[in-house]
C-alpha atoms as a PDB file:
ATOM      1  CA  UNK A   1      -8.699  -2.270 -21.587  1.00  0.00           C
ATOM      2  CA  UNK A   2      -7.283  -0.281 -18.335  1.00  0.00           C
ATOM      3  CA  UNK A   3      -8.431   2.632 -17.010  1.00  0.00           C
ATOM      4  CA  UNK A   4      -5.133   4.490 -16.307  1.00  0.00           C
ATOM      5  CA  UNK A   5      -1.937   4.820 -18.054  1.00  0.00           C
ATOM      6  CA  UNK A   6       1.305   4.474 -16.318  1.00  0.00           C
ATOM      7  CA  UNK A   7       1.337   4.773 -12.789  1.00  0.00           C
ATOM      8  CA  UNK A   8      -2.222   3.666 -11.039  1.00  0.00           C
ATOM      9  CA  UNK A   9      -1.549   5.015  -7.778  1.00  0.00           C
ATOM     10  CA  UNK A  10       0.749   7.351  -5.727  1.00  0.00           C
ATOM     11  CA  UNK A  11       1.053   6.143  -2.489  1.00  0.00           C
ATOM     12  CA  UNK A  12       2.910   2.468  -3.678  1.00  0.00           C
ATOM     13  CA  UNK A  13       6.325   4.668  -3.369  1.00  0.00           C
ATOM     14  CA  UNK A  14       5.980   5.955   0.364  1.00  0.00           C
ATOM     15  CA  UNK A  15       4.100   2.269   1.335  1.00  0.00           C
ATOM     16  CA  UNK A  16       7.248   0.889  -0.316  1.00  0.00           C
ATOM     17  CA  UNK A  17       9.863   3.398   1.423  1.00  0.00           C
ATOM     18  CA  UNK A  18       8.066   2.433   5.114  1.00  0.00           C
ATOM     19  CA  UNK A  19       7.958  -0.863   4.615  1.00  0.00           C
ATOM     20  CA  UNK A  20      11.862  -1.329   3.670  1.00  0.00           C
ATOM     21  CA  UNK A  21      12.274   0.804   6.209  1.00  0.00           C
ATOM     22  CA  UNK A  22      10.510  -1.512   9.418  1.00  0.00           C
ATOM     23  CA  UNK A  23      12.372  -4.081   7.604  1.00  0.00           C
ATOM     24  CA  UNK A  24       9.333  -5.899   6.671  1.00  0.00           C
ATOM     25  CA  UNK A  25       8.220  -8.714   3.507  1.00  0.00           C
ATOM     26  CA  UNK A  26       5.610  -7.764   1.472  1.00  0.00           C
ATOM     27  CA  UNK A  27       4.670 -11.090   2.811  1.00  0.00           C
ATOM     28  CA  UNK A  28       5.348  -9.635   6.523  1.00  0.00           C
ATOM     29  CA  UNK A  29       3.107  -6.902   5.291  1.00  0.00           C
ATOM     30  CA  UNK A  30       0.088  -8.346   4.002  1.00  0.00           C
ATOM     31  CA  UNK A  31       0.253 -10.603   7.175  1.00  0.00           C
ATOM     32  CA  UNK A  32      -0.242  -7.178   9.975  1.00  0.00           C
ATOM     33  CA  UNK A  33      -2.660  -6.120   7.384  1.00  0.00           C
ATOM     34  CA  UNK A  34      -4.480  -9.310   7.205  1.00  0.00           C
ATOM     35  CA  UNK A  35      -4.328  -8.929  11.065  1.00  0.00           C
ATOM     36  CA  UNK A  36      -6.186  -5.732  11.088  1.00  0.00           C
ATOM     37  CA  UNK A  37      -8.926  -6.854   8.765  1.00  0.00           C
ATOM     38  CA  UNK A  38      -7.668  -5.876   5.430  1.00  0.00           C
ATOM     39  CA  UNK A  39      -8.002  -8.695   2.773  1.00  0.00           C
ATOM     40  CA  UNK A  40      -4.602  -8.337   0.811  1.00  0.00           C
ATOM     41  CA  UNK A  41      -1.748 -10.758  -0.362  1.00  0.00           C
ATOM     42  CA  UNK A  42       1.746 -10.185  -0.730  1.00  0.00           C
ATOM     43  CA  UNK A  43       1.145 -10.613  -4.766  1.00  0.00           C
ATOM     44  CA  UNK A  44      -1.230  -7.260  -4.266  1.00  0.00           C
ATOM     45  CA  UNK A  45       1.394  -5.359  -2.168  1.00  0.00           C
ATOM     46  CA  UNK A  46       3.839  -5.724  -4.786  1.00  0.00           C
ATOM     47  CA  UNK A  47       1.404  -4.889  -7.411  1.00  0.00           C
ATOM     48  CA  UNK A  48       0.492  -1.318  -5.248  1.00  0.00           C
ATOM     49  CA  UNK A  49       4.025  -0.645  -4.581  1.00  0.00           C
ATOM     50  CA  UNK A  50       5.192  -0.894  -8.130  1.00  0.00           C
ATOM     51  CA  UNK A  51       2.115   1.093  -9.303  1.00  0.00           C
ATOM     52  CA  UNK A  52       0.180  -1.348 -10.928  1.00  0.00           C
ATOM     53  CA  UNK A  53      -2.536  -1.695  -8.640  1.00  0.00           C
ATOM     54  CA  UNK A  54      -5.260   1.089  -7.246  1.00  0.00           C
ATOM     55  CA  UNK A  55      -5.295   1.689  -3.950  1.00  0.00           C
ATOM     56  CA  UNK A  56      -9.151   2.358  -2.716  1.00  0.00           C
ATOM     57  CA  UNK A  57      -9.323   4.967  -0.062  1.00  0.00           C
ATOM     58  CA  UNK A  58     -10.792   2.508   2.743  1.00  0.00           C
ATOM     59  CA  UNK A  59      -7.214   0.283   1.609  1.00  0.00           C
ATOM     60  CA  UNK A  60      -5.851   3.186   2.611  1.00  0.00           C
ATOM     61  CA  UNK A  61      -7.066   3.975   5.530  1.00  0.00           C
ATOM     62  CA  UNK A  62      -5.334   0.275   6.972  1.00  0.00           C
ATOM     63  CA  UNK A  63      -1.668   1.360   5.618  1.00  0.00           C
ATOM     64  CA  UNK A  64      -2.108   4.477   7.691  1.00  0.00           C
ATOM     65  CA  UNK A  65      -3.253   3.495  10.637  1.00  0.00           C
ATOM     66  CA  UNK A  66      -0.270   0.643  10.146  1.00  0.00           C
ATOM     67  CA  UNK A  67       2.126   3.016   9.552  1.00  0.00           C
ATOM     68  CA  UNK A  68       1.122   5.848  12.182  1.00  0.00           C
ATOM     69  CA  UNK A  69       0.129   8.096   9.006  1.00  0.00           C
ATOM     70  CA  UNK A  70      -2.399  10.306   8.252  1.00  0.00           C
ATOM     71  CA  UNK A  71      -3.855   9.472   5.080  1.00  0.00           C
ATOM     72  CA  UNK A  72      -2.719  12.871   3.503  1.00  0.00           C
ATOM     73  CA  UNK A  73       0.526  11.946   3.727  1.00  0.00           C
ATOM     74  CA  UNK A  74       0.302   8.905   0.843  1.00  0.00           C
ATOM     75  CA  UNK A  75      -1.414  10.978  -1.406  1.00  0.00           C
ATOM     76  CA  UNK A  76       0.789  14.049  -1.540  1.00  0.00           C
ATOM     77  CA  UNK A  77       3.767  13.878  -4.364  1.00  0.00           C
END
């Protein structure tokens, strides 16, 4: 049973856009986030970007720090 119908996050599209602007693959982004202490794989990045996975607040902090954006920026529609 799924808890959400449709997208599970509103930050995935922004994460994809920033990753593409930096010319990083999903694999490279996952590797860089792993170096900062986040447990993430390429498949997880893909699921986040496509909106198929929830992004918990503690994970969103890693994205915010990596991309030099405030956490709130990822939550704005």
